[in-house]
């Protein structure tokens, strides 16, 4: 089966590592070597330490994040099975607080595995998101090319999809 596999970019995670380190390293120094009666630096260390740990995890995470093949799309972050091309009506890109997503408008035949809470549906409506939103925040890729690619793939038959995937492999 022909497919395109997309992985996290460690470079995008390095930015979070650097920004977290700016606060983690001085906080660690003050916690270990200075008196801090209000424990302010312990709180700062815990808060920014989470970002530090997340960035380390993202740098080391080499699992496939998104797979695009002639059958459909699979995204690790959606917790869905493969989303078949027959269910996809349109794809577009949005940015929410510097996080890049490609929401997929699906037809009524697609039933999500996980039902959204009412408040999550409300927030999706306000932000321009959909039931299924592919997360491209940590993937280094031209998002406009991907959107065009996905919108083209949904209109083709399975043989044409195989050829298109072969042509675009390594170019997205």
Protein backbone atom coordinates (compact mmCIF):
# COMPACT_ATOMS: atom_id res chain seq x y z
CA UNK A 1 0.00 0.00 0.00
CA UNK A 2 1.35 3.41 -0.98
CA UNK A 3 1.32 5.97 1.81
CA UNK A 4 2.81 9.23 3.02
CA UNK A 5 4.01 9.24 6.62
CA UNK A 6 4.47 12.51 8.49
CA UNK A 7 6.60 12.79 11.64
CA UNK A 8 7.13 15.44 14.31
CA UNK A 9 9.89 17.91 13.58
CA UNK A 10 12.43 18.03 16.44
CA UNK A 11 13.33 21.60 15.43
CA UNK A 12 9.86 22.86 16.35
CA UNK A 13 10.26 21.28 19.79
CA UNK A 14 13.66 22.91 20.31
CA UNK A 15 11.95 26.31 20.51
CA UNK A 16 9.82 25.14 23.44
CA UNK A 17 12.91 23.58 25.05
CA UNK A 18 14.82 26.86 24.76
CA UNK A 19 11.96 28.99 26.11
CA UNK A 20 11.37 26.60 29.01
CA UNK A 21 15.09 26.49 29.82
CA UNK A 22 15.16 30.26 30.25
CA UNK A 23 12.94 29.80 33.30
CA UNK A 24 13.83 26.28 34.45
CA UNK A 25 17.59 26.80 34.87
CA UNK A 26 17.41 29.96 37.06
CA UNK A 27 14.51 28.48 39.05
CA UNK A 28 16.49 25.31 39.66
CA UNK A 29 19.46 27.38 40.85
CA UNK A 30 17.33 29.35 43.32
CA UNK A 31 15.60 26.22 44.62
CA UNK A 32 18.92 24.44 45.23
CA UNK A 33 21.17 27.25 46.44
CA UNK A 34 19.08 30.16 47.73
CA UNK A 35 16.47 30.55 50.44
CA UNK A 36 12.99 31.02 49.04
CA UNK A 37 10.51 31.43 51.92
CA UNK A 38 7.45 31.69 49.64
CA UNK A 39 8.47 28.76 47.41
CA UNK A 40 7.99 30.96 44.35
CA UNK A 41 10.79 29.31 42.45
CA UNK A 42 9.50 25.82 43.20
CA UNK A 43 6.21 26.79 41.54
CA UNK A 44 8.05 28.30 38.58
CA UNK A 45 10.21 25.19 38.31
CA UNK A 46 7.15 22.92 38.30
CA UNK A 47 5.23 25.06 35.80
CA UNK A 48 8.04 25.60 33.28
CA UNK A 49 9.43 22.14 33.96
CA UNK A 50 6.30 20.69 32.37
CA UNK A 51 7.07 22.56 29.13
CA UNK A 52 10.68 21.39 29.40
CA UNK A 53 9.59 17.73 29.74
CA UNK A 54 7.04 18.02 26.91
CA UNK A 55 9.70 19.42 24.60
CA UNK A 56 12.12 16.60 25.47
CA UNK A 57 9.35 14.06 24.80
CA UNK A 58 8.53 15.69 21.43
CA UNK A 59 12.20 15.73 20.41
CA UNK A 60 12.56 12.01 21.16
CA UNK A 61 9.14 10.96 19.81
CA UNK A 62 9.79 9.32 16.44
CA UNK A 63 6.36 7.74 15.99
CA UNK A 64 4.35 8.42 12.86
CA UNK A 65 1.89 11.27 13.49
CA UNK A 66 -0.15 11.23 10.28
CA UNK A 67 -0.50 8.62 7.54
CA UNK A 68 -2.12 9.48 4.22
CA UNK A 69 -2.87 6.60 1.86
CA UNK A 70 -5.28 5.69 -0.92
CA UNK A 71 -7.93 4.61 1.61
CA UNK A 72 -7.88 7.71 3.81
CA UNK A 73 -6.09 9.61 6.57
CA UNK A 74 -4.99 8.47 10.02
CA UNK A 75 -3.90 10.97 12.67
CA UNK A 76 -2.47 9.87 16.01
CA UNK A 77 -3.95 12.85 17.86
CA UNK A 78 -7.58 12.26 16.81
CA UNK A 79 -7.84 8.79 18.38
CA UNK A 80 -9.86 7.72 15.32
CA UNK A 81 -9.50 4.81 12.98
CA UNK A 82 -8.61 5.72 9.42
CA UNK A 83 -10.89 8.46 8.05
CA UNK A 84 -11.90 7.26 4.60
CA UNK A 85 -11.82 9.63 1.62
CA UNK A 86 -15.49 8.91 0.97
CA UNK A 87 -16.38 10.66 4.24
CA UNK A 88 -14.30 13.80 3.63
CA UNK A 89 -16.05 16.71 1.92
CA UNK A 90 -13.48 19.45 2.43
CA UNK A 91 -10.22 20.29 4.19
CA UNK A 92 -8.92 23.74 5.15
CA UNK A 93 -6.33 25.15 7.53
CA UNK A 94 -6.77 27.20 10.69
CA UNK A 95 -4.41 28.58 13.30
CA UNK A 96 -5.43 28.73 16.95
CA UNK A 97 -2.88 30.38 19.24
CA UNK A 98 -0.02 29.52 16.84
CA UNK A 99 -1.16 25.89 16.66
CA UNK A 100 -1.86 24.77 13.08
CA UNK A 101 -4.75 22.42 12.32
CA UNK A 102 -6.45 21.06 9.23
CA UNK A 103 -10.13 20.57 10.05
CA UNK A 104 -11.94 18.01 7.93
CA UNK A 105 -15.57 18.60 7.01
CA UNK A 106 -17.12 15.14 6.89
CA UNK A 107 -20.45 13.97 5.55
CA UNK A 108 -23.27 12.58 7.70
CA UNK A 109 -22.11 8.99 7.09
CA UNK A 110 -18.98 9.55 9.20
CA UNK A 111 -19.56 8.72 12.83
CA UNK A 112 -16.70 9.82 15.10
CA UNK A 113 -15.38 7.20 17.49
CA UNK A 114 -15.35 9.71 20.32
CA UNK A 115 -18.35 11.99 20.89
CA UNK A 116 -17.52 15.64 21.60
CA UNK A 117 -18.77 17.33 24.72
CA UNK A 118 -21.19 20.23 24.18
CA UNK A 119 -18.62 22.78 25.32
CA UNK A 120 -16.02 21.31 22.94
CA UNK A 121 -18.49 21.50 20.04
CA UNK A 122 -19.22 25.11 20.99
CA UNK A 123 -15.50 25.98 21.02
CA UNK A 124 -15.01 24.20 17.69
CA UNK A 125 -17.78 26.33 16.20
CA UNK A 126 -16.29 29.57 17.50
CA UNK A 127 -12.75 28.76 16.33
CA UNK A 128 -13.71 27.43 12.90
CA UNK A 129 -12.75 23.85 13.76
CA UNK A 130 -14.72 20.68 12.99
CA UNK A 131 -15.33 17.28 14.61
CA UNK A 132 -12.03 16.05 13.14
CA UNK A 133 -9.00 18.36 13.28
CA UNK A 134 -5.60 17.11 12.13
CA UNK A 135 -2.83 18.60 14.28
CA UNK A 136 0.11 19.89 12.21
CA UNK A 137 1.68 22.02 14.96
CA UNK A 138 4.83 19.95 15.37
CA UNK A 139 5.13 18.83 11.76
CA UNK A 140 7.37 20.90 9.52
CA UNK A 141 5.40 21.09 6.28
CA UNK A 142 3.84 23.57 3.86
CA UNK A 143 0.28 23.55 5.17
CA UNK A 144 -1.20 25.06 1.99
CA UNK A 145 0.26 22.24 -0.11
CA UNK A 146 -1.20 19.67 2.27
CA UNK A 147 -4.66 21.26 2.15
CA UNK A 148 -4.58 21.33 -1.66
CA UNK A 149 -3.33 17.72 -1.68
CA UNK A 150 -6.12 16.53 0.64
CA UNK A 151 -8.82 18.34 -1.33
CA UNK A 152 -7.50 16.80 -4.54
CA UNK A 153 -7.30 13.28 -3.06
CA UNK A 154 -10.93 13.25 -1.91
CA UNK A 155 -12.18 13.61 -5.50
CA UNK A 156 -10.11 10.81 -7.07
CA UNK A 157 -10.66 7.06 -7.32
CA UNK A 158 -8.34 4.60 -5.60
CA UNK A 159 -6.04 4.03 -8.59
CA UNK A 160 -5.60 7.76 -9.16
CA UNK A 161 -4.89 8.21 -5.46
CA UNK A 162 -2.08 5.65 -5.62
CA UNK A 163 -0.47 7.54 -8.49
CA UNK A 164 -0.90 10.91 -6.78
CA UNK A 165 0.65 9.58 -3.56
CA UNK A 166 3.62 8.19 -5.51
CA UNK A 167 4.10 11.60 -7.19
CA UNK A 168 3.86 13.58 -3.93
CA UNK A 169 5.85 11.22 -1.70
CA UNK A 170 8.64 13.29 -0.15
CA UNK A 171 7.38 16.55 -1.70
CA UNK A 172 4.82 17.62 0.91
